[in-house]
Amino acid sequence: MTTIAYKDGVIAYDSRTTGGTTISDDDSGKLQTVDGVQFICTGCACDFDALIAGYIGTVASS
C-alpha cells in the first residue's frame, strides 16, 4: 500500500514496495518525470509505461 499526502501544493509519498506481504524495497523511486510532467507511480509496475504514454499521448515501449 502506498501512502500519498497532499497539502498546500506539496505531495509526499512513501518509498516502500511490496509483493503481497513481502517488503521488496524500502527505497523505491516511485516518482517519474517525463516531458516535464511528474508521475507518482503506484500499483503494478508493468503498467507504468502504458499509463504515462497514454497521458503524454505516445506509444508505450515494449
PDB file of N, CA and C in Angstrom:
ATOM      1  N   MET A   1       0.839  -1.167   0.000  1.00  0.00           N
ATOM      2  CA  MET A   1       0.000   0.000   0.000  1.00  0.00           C
ATOM      3  C   MET A   1       0.892   1.241   0.000  1.00  0.00           C
ATOM      4  N   THR A   2       0.568   2.178  -0.858  1.00  0.00           N
ATOM      5  CA  THR A   2       1.314   3.429  -0.926  1.00  0.00           C
ATOM      6  C   THR A   2       0.555   4.521  -0.187  1.00  0.00           C
ATOM      7  N   THR A   3       1.284   5.306   0.574  1.00  0.00           N
ATOM      8  CA  THR A   3       0.704   6.452   1.262  1.00  0.00           C
ATOM      9  C   THR A   3       1.068   7.709   0.488  1.00  0.00           C
ATOM     10  N   ILE A   4       0.050   8.500   0.147  1.00  0.00           N
ATOM     11  CA  ILE A   4       0.261   9.761  -0.550  1.00  0.00           C
ATOM     12  C   ILE A   4      -0.455  10.852   0.236  1.00  0.00           C
ATOM     13  N   ALA A   5       0.236  11.951   0.493  1.00  0.00           N
ATOM     14  CA  ALA A   5      -0.365  13.089   1.196  1.00  0.00           C
ATOM     15  C   ALA A   5      -0.130  14.354   0.377  1.00  0.00           C
ATOM     16  N   TYR A   6      -1.127  15.227   0.367  1.00  0.00           N
ATOM     17  CA  TYR A   6      -1.036  16.479  -0.388  1.00  0.00           C
ATOM     18  C   TYR A   6      -1.503  17.629   0.489  1.00  0.00           C
ATOM     19  N   LYS A   7      -0.727  18.706   0.532  1.00  0.00           N
ATOM     20  CA  LYS A   7      -1.126  19.903   1.270  1.00  0.00           C
ATOM     21  C   LYS A   7      -0.368  21.101   0.713  1.00  0.00           C
ATOM     22  N   ASP A   8      -1.097  22.159   0.442  1.00  0.00           N
ATOM     23  CA  ASP A   8      -0.507  23.427   0.006  1.00  0.00           C
ATOM     24  C   ASP A   8       0.441  23.271  -1.185  1.00  0.00           C
ATOM     25  N   GLY A   9       0.072  22.439  -2.149  1.00  0.00           N
ATOM     26  CA  GLY A   9       0.876  22.273  -3.350  1.00  0.00           C
ATOM     27  C   GLY A   9       2.058  21.335  -3.218  1.00  0.00           C
ATOM     28  N   VAL A  10       2.170  20.648  -2.078  1.00  0.00           N
ATOM     29  CA  VAL A  10       3.278  19.716  -1.846  1.00  0.00           C
ATOM     30  C   VAL A  10       2.718  18.301  -1.742  1.00  0.00           C
ATOM     31  N   ILE A  11       3.328  17.370  -2.467  1.00  0.00           N
ATOM     32  CA  ILE A  11       2.934  15.963  -2.404  1.00  0.00           C
ATOM     33  C   ILE A  11       4.038  15.179  -1.712  1.00  0.00           C
ATOM     34  N   ALA A  12       3.645  14.366  -0.741  1.00  0.00           N
ATOM     35  CA  ALA A  12       4.587  13.470  -0.058  1.00  0.00           C
ATOM     36  C   ALA A  12       4.126  12.038  -0.299  1.00  0.00           C
ATOM     37  N   TYR A  13       5.072  11.130  -0.427  1.00  0.00           N
ATOM     38  CA  TYR A  13       4.729   9.726  -0.658  1.00  0.00           C
ATOM     39  C   TYR A  13       5.820   8.852  -0.072  1.00  0.00           C
ATOM     40  N   ASP A  14       5.453   7.623   0.245  1.00  0.00           N
ATOM     41  CA  ASP A  14       6.433   6.692   0.809  1.00  0.00           C
ATOM     42  C   ASP A  14       7.250   6.059  -0.309  1.00  0.00           C
ATOM     43  N   SER A  15       8.292   5.328   0.068  1.00  0.00           N
ATOM     44  CA  SER A  15       9.170   4.717  -0.930  1.00  0.00           C
ATOM     45  C   SER A  15       9.228   3.197  -0.815  1.00  0.00           C
ATOM     46  N   ARG A  16       8.276   2.598  -0.095  1.00  0.00           N
ATOM     47  CA  ARG A  16       8.283   1.145   0.092  1.00  0.00           C
ATOM     48  C   ARG A  16       7.530   0.452  -1.036  1.00  0.00           C
ATOM     49  N   THR A  17       8.099  -0.654  -1.532  1.00  0.00           N
ATOM     50  CA  THR A  17       7.390  -1.525  -2.460  1.00  0.00           C
ATOM     51  C   THR A  17       7.271  -2.901  -1.838  1.00  0.00           C
ATOM     52  N   THR A  18       6.171  -3.553  -2.156  1.00  0.00           N
ATOM     53  CA  THR A  18       5.904  -4.879  -1.606  1.00  0.00           C
ATOM     54  C   THR A  18       5.412  -5.809  -2.698  1.00  0.00           C
ATOM     55  N   GLY A  19       5.504  -7.085  -2.420  1.00  0.00           N
ATOM     56  CA  GLY A  19       4.919  -8.120  -3.245  1.00  0.00           C
ATOM     57  C   GLY A  19       4.102  -8.998  -2.321  1.00  0.00           C
ATOM     58  N   GLY A  20       2.798  -8.778  -2.310  1.00  0.00           N
ATOM     59  CA  GLY A  20       1.963  -9.482  -1.334  1.00  0.00           C
ATOM     60  C   GLY A  20       2.266  -8.958   0.057  1.00  0.00           C
ATOM     61  N   THR A  21       2.691  -9.847   0.940  1.00  0.00           N
ATOM     62  CA  THR A  21       3.035  -9.434   2.307  1.00  0.00           C
ATOM     63  C   THR A  21       4.540  -9.264   2.496  1.00  0.00           C
ATOM     64  N   THR A  22       5.310  -9.391   1.417  1.00  0.00           N
ATOM     65  CA  THR A  22       6.766  -9.298   1.498  1.00  0.00           C
ATOM     66  C   THR A  22       7.250  -7.905   1.091  1.00  0.00           C
ATOM     67  N   ILE A  23       8.058  -7.276   1.931  1.00  0.00           N
ATOM     68  CA  ILE A  23       8.666  -5.987   1.596  1.00  0.00           C
ATOM     69  C   ILE A  23       9.839  -6.258   0.662  1.00  0.00           C
ATOM     70  N   SER A  24       9.790  -5.680  -0.540  1.00  0.00           N
ATOM     71  CA  SER A  24      10.865  -5.924  -1.501  1.00  0.00           C
ATOM     72  C   SER A  24      11.882  -4.781  -1.554  1.00  0.00           C
ATOM     73  N   ASP A  25      11.462  -3.563  -1.178  1.00  0.00           N
ATOM     74  CA  ASP A  25      12.379  -2.423  -1.221  1.00  0.00           C
ATOM     75  C   ASP A  25      11.833  -1.308  -0.332  1.00  0.00           C
ATOM     76  N   ASP A  26      12.686  -0.701   0.454  1.00  0.00           N
ATOM     77  CA  ASP A  26      12.282   0.429   1.289  1.00  0.00           C
ATOM     78  C   ASP A  26      12.779   1.759   0.729  1.00  0.00           C
ATOM     79  N   ASP A  27      13.385   1.738  -0.451  1.00  0.00           N
ATOM     80  CA  ASP A  27      13.897   2.967  -1.056  1.00  0.00           C
ATOM     81  C   ASP A  27      13.609   2.972  -2.554  1.00  0.00           C
ATOM     82  N   SER A  28      12.361   2.719  -2.886  1.00  0.00           N
ATOM     83  CA  SER A  28      11.957   2.631  -4.284  1.00  0.00           C
ATOM     84  C   SER A  28      11.665   4.017  -4.849  1.00  0.00           C
ATOM     85  N   GLY A  29      12.097   4.257  -6.067  1.00  0.00           N
ATOM     86  CA  GLY A  29      11.840   5.534  -6.729  1.00  0.00           C
ATOM     87  C   GLY A  29      10.495   5.521  -7.426  1.00  0.00           C
ATOM     88  N   LYS A  30       9.463   6.014  -6.773  1.00  0.00           N
ATOM     89  CA  LYS A  30       8.118   5.997  -7.347  1.00  0.00           C
ATOM     90  C   LYS A  30       7.832   7.208  -8.220  1.00  0.00           C
ATOM     91  N   LEU A  31       8.676   8.229  -8.141  1.00  0.00           N
ATOM     92  CA  LEU A  31       8.467   9.442  -8.928  1.00  0.00           C
ATOM     93  C   LEU A  31       9.180   9.318 -10.267  1.00  0.00           C
ATOM     94  N   GLN A  32       8.421   9.508 -11.339  1.00  0.00           N
ATOM     95  CA  GLN A  32       8.996   9.523 -12.680  1.00  0.00           C
ATOM     96  C   GLN A  32       8.629  10.848 -13.336  1.00  0.00           C
ATOM     97  N   THR A  33       9.590  11.488 -13.988  1.00  0.00           N
ATOM     98  CA  THR A  33       9.338  12.737 -14.694  1.00  0.00           C
ATOM     99  C   THR A  33       9.523  12.498 -16.183  1.00  0.00           C
ATOM    100  N   VAL A  34       8.480  12.775 -16.955  1.00  0.00           N
ATOM    101  CA  VAL A  34       8.506  12.581 -18.402  1.00  0.00           C
ATOM    102  C   VAL A  34       7.981  13.857 -19.054  1.00  0.00           C
ATOM    103  N   ASP A  35       8.763  14.438 -19.928  1.00  0.00           N
ATOM    104  CA  ASP A  35       8.380  15.674 -20.628  1.00  0.00           C
ATOM    105  C   ASP A  35       7.917  16.756 -19.657  1.00  0.00           C
ATOM    106  N   GLY A  36       8.574  16.859 -18.515  1.00  0.00           N
ATOM    107  CA  GLY A  36       8.250  17.880 -17.533  1.00  0.00           C
ATOM    108  C   GLY A  36       7.047  17.581 -16.657  1.00  0.00           C
ATOM    109  N   VAL A  37       6.419  16.423 -16.854  1.00  0.00           N
ATOM    110  CA  VAL A  37       5.264  16.016 -16.052  1.00  0.00           C
ATOM    111  C   VAL A  37       5.735  14.987 -15.033  1.00  0.00           C
ATOM    112  N   GLN A  38       5.371  15.181 -13.768  1.00  0.00           N
ATOM    113  CA  GLN A  38       5.777  14.249 -12.718  1.00  0.00           C
ATOM    114  C   GLN A  38       4.655  13.261 -12.428  1.00  0.00           C
ATOM    115  N   PHE A  39       5.015  11.982 -12.369  1.00  0.00           N
ATOM    116  CA  PHE A  39       4.080  10.905 -12.073  1.00  0.00           C
ATOM    117  C   PHE A  39       4.556  10.180 -10.823  1.00  0.00           C
ATOM    118  N   ILE A  40       3.675   9.989  -9.862  1.00  0.00           N
ATOM    119  CA  ILE A  40       3.972   9.134  -8.715  1.00  0.00           C
ATOM    120  C   ILE A  40       3.304   7.806  -9.030  1.00  0.00           C
ATOM    121  N   CYS A  41       4.106   6.821  -9.370  1.00  0.00           N
ATOM    122  CA  CYS A  41       3.593   5.545  -9.857  1.00  0.00           C
ATOM    123  C   CYS A  41       3.399   4.568  -8.708  1.00  0.00           C
ATOM    124  N   THR A  42       2.195   4.046  -8.618  1.00  0.00           N
ATOM    125  CA  THR A  42       1.868   3.044  -7.607  1.00  0.00           C
ATOM    126  C   THR A  42       1.123   1.905  -8.284  1.00  0.00           C
ATOM    127  N   GLY A  43       1.078   0.776  -7.631  1.00  0.00           N
ATOM    128  CA  GLY A  43       0.381  -0.366  -8.207  1.00  0.00           C
ATOM    129  C   GLY A  43       1.355  -1.267  -8.938  1.00  0.00           C
ATOM    130  N   CYS A  44       0.867  -1.889  -9.990  1.00  0.00           N
ATOM    131  CA  CYS A  44       1.651  -2.863 -10.747  1.00  0.00           C
ATOM    132  C   CYS A  44       2.654  -2.152 -11.660  1.00  0.00           C
ATOM    133  N   ALA A  45       3.934  -2.375 -11.418  1.00  0.00           N
ATOM    134  CA  ALA A  45       4.995  -1.677 -12.150  1.00  0.00           C
ATOM    135  C   ALA A  45       4.924  -1.910 -13.656  1.00  0.00           C
ATOM    136  N   CYS A  46       4.397  -3.049 -14.076  1.00  0.00           N
ATOM    137  CA  CYS A  46       4.345  -3.338 -15.512  1.00  0.00           C
ATOM    138  C   CYS A  46       3.377  -2.413 -16.250  1.00  0.00           C
ATOM    139  N   ASP A  47       2.517  -1.683 -15.534  1.00  0.00           N
ATOM    140  CA  ASP A  47       1.556  -0.779 -16.159  1.00  0.00           C
ATOM    141  C   ASP A  47       2.030   0.670 -16.236  1.00  0.00           C
ATOM    142  N   PHE A  48       3.135   1.008 -15.596  1.00  0.00           N
ATOM    143  CA  PHE A  48       3.571   2.403 -15.502  1.00  0.00           C
ATOM    144  C   PHE A  48       3.827   3.026 -16.870  1.00  0.00           C
ATOM    145  N   ASP A  49       4.574   2.341 -17.726  1.00  0.00           N
ATOM    146  CA  ASP A  49       4.904   2.899 -19.043  1.00  0.00           C
ATOM    147  C   ASP A  49       3.646   3.181 -19.861  1.00  0.00           C
ATOM    148  N   ALA A  50       2.676   2.255 -19.829  1.00  0.00           N
ATOM    149  CA  ALA A  50       1.443   2.440 -20.594  1.00  0.00           C
ATOM    150  C   ALA A  50       0.624   3.604 -20.041  1.00  0.00           C
ATOM    151  N   LEU A  51       0.578   3.744 -18.731  1.00  0.00           N
ATOM    152  CA  LEU A  51      -0.150   4.850 -18.108  1.00  0.00           C
ATOM    153  C   LEU A  51       0.459   6.189 -18.514  1.00  0.00           C
ATOM    154  N   ILE A  52       1.769   6.288 -18.399  1.00  0.00           N
ATOM    155  CA  ILE A  52       2.454   7.538 -18.738  1.00  0.00           C
ATOM    156  C   ILE A  52       2.326   7.832 -20.227  1.00  0.00           C
ATOM    157  N   ALA A  53       2.503   6.827 -21.068  1.00  0.00           N
ATOM    158  CA  ALA A  53       2.380   7.016 -22.515  1.00  0.00           C
ATOM    159  C   ALA A  53       0.970   7.461 -22.885  1.00  0.00           C
ATOM    160  N   GLY A  54      -0.033   6.891 -22.240  1.00  0.00           N
ATOM    161  CA  GLY A  54      -1.407   7.291 -22.505  1.00  0.00           C
ATOM    162  C   GLY A  54      -1.664   8.737 -22.129  1.00  0.00           C
ATOM    163  N   TYR A  55      -1.084   9.171 -21.036  1.00  0.00           N
ATOM    164  CA  TYR A  55      -1.253  10.554 -20.588  1.00  0.00           C
ATOM    165  C   TYR A  55      -0.524  11.522 -21.518  1.00  0.00           C
ATOM    166  N   ILE A  56       0.702  11.182 -21.875  1.00  0.00           N
ATOM    167  CA  ILE A  56       1.524  12.043 -22.724  1.00  0.00           C
ATOM    168  C   ILE A  56       1.036  12.007 -24.177  1.00  0.00           C
ATOM    169  N   GLY A  57       0.425  10.889 -24.581  1.00  0.00           N
ATOM    170  CA  GLY A  57      -0.059  10.761 -25.947  1.00  0.00           C
ATOM    171  C   GLY A  57       0.925  10.094 -26.873  1.00  0.00           C
ATOM    172  N   THR A  58       1.747   9.205 -26.307  1.00  0.00           N
ATOM    173  CA  THR A  58       2.718   8.461 -27.103  1.00  0.00           C
ATOM    174  C   THR A  58       2.412   6.974 -26.988  1.00  0.00           C
ATOM    175  N   VAL A  59       3.211   6.167 -27.642  1.00  0.00           N
ATOM    176  CA  VAL A  59       3.069   4.719 -27.571  1.00  0.00           C
ATOM    177  C   VAL A  59       4.031   4.191 -26.523  1.00  0.00           C
ATOM    178  N   ALA A  60       3.545   3.321 -25.638  1.00  0.00           N
ATOM    179  CA  ALA A  60       4.395   2.738 -24.598  1.00  0.00           C
ATOM    180  C   ALA A  60       5.431   1.826 -25.226  1.00  0.00           C
ATOM    181  N   SER A  61       6.625   1.812 -24.633  1.00  0.00           N
ATOM    182  CA  SER A  61       7.666   0.900 -25.100  1.00  0.00           C
ATOM    183  C   SER A  61       7.351  -0.504 -24.625  1.00  0.00           C
ATOM    184  N   SER A  62       7.794  -1.498 -25.375  1.00  0.00           N
ATOM    185  CA  SER A  62       7.511  -2.896 -25.011  1.00  0.00           C
ATOM    186  C   SER A  62       8.587  -3.464 -24.147  1.00  0.00           C
TER     187      SER A  62
END
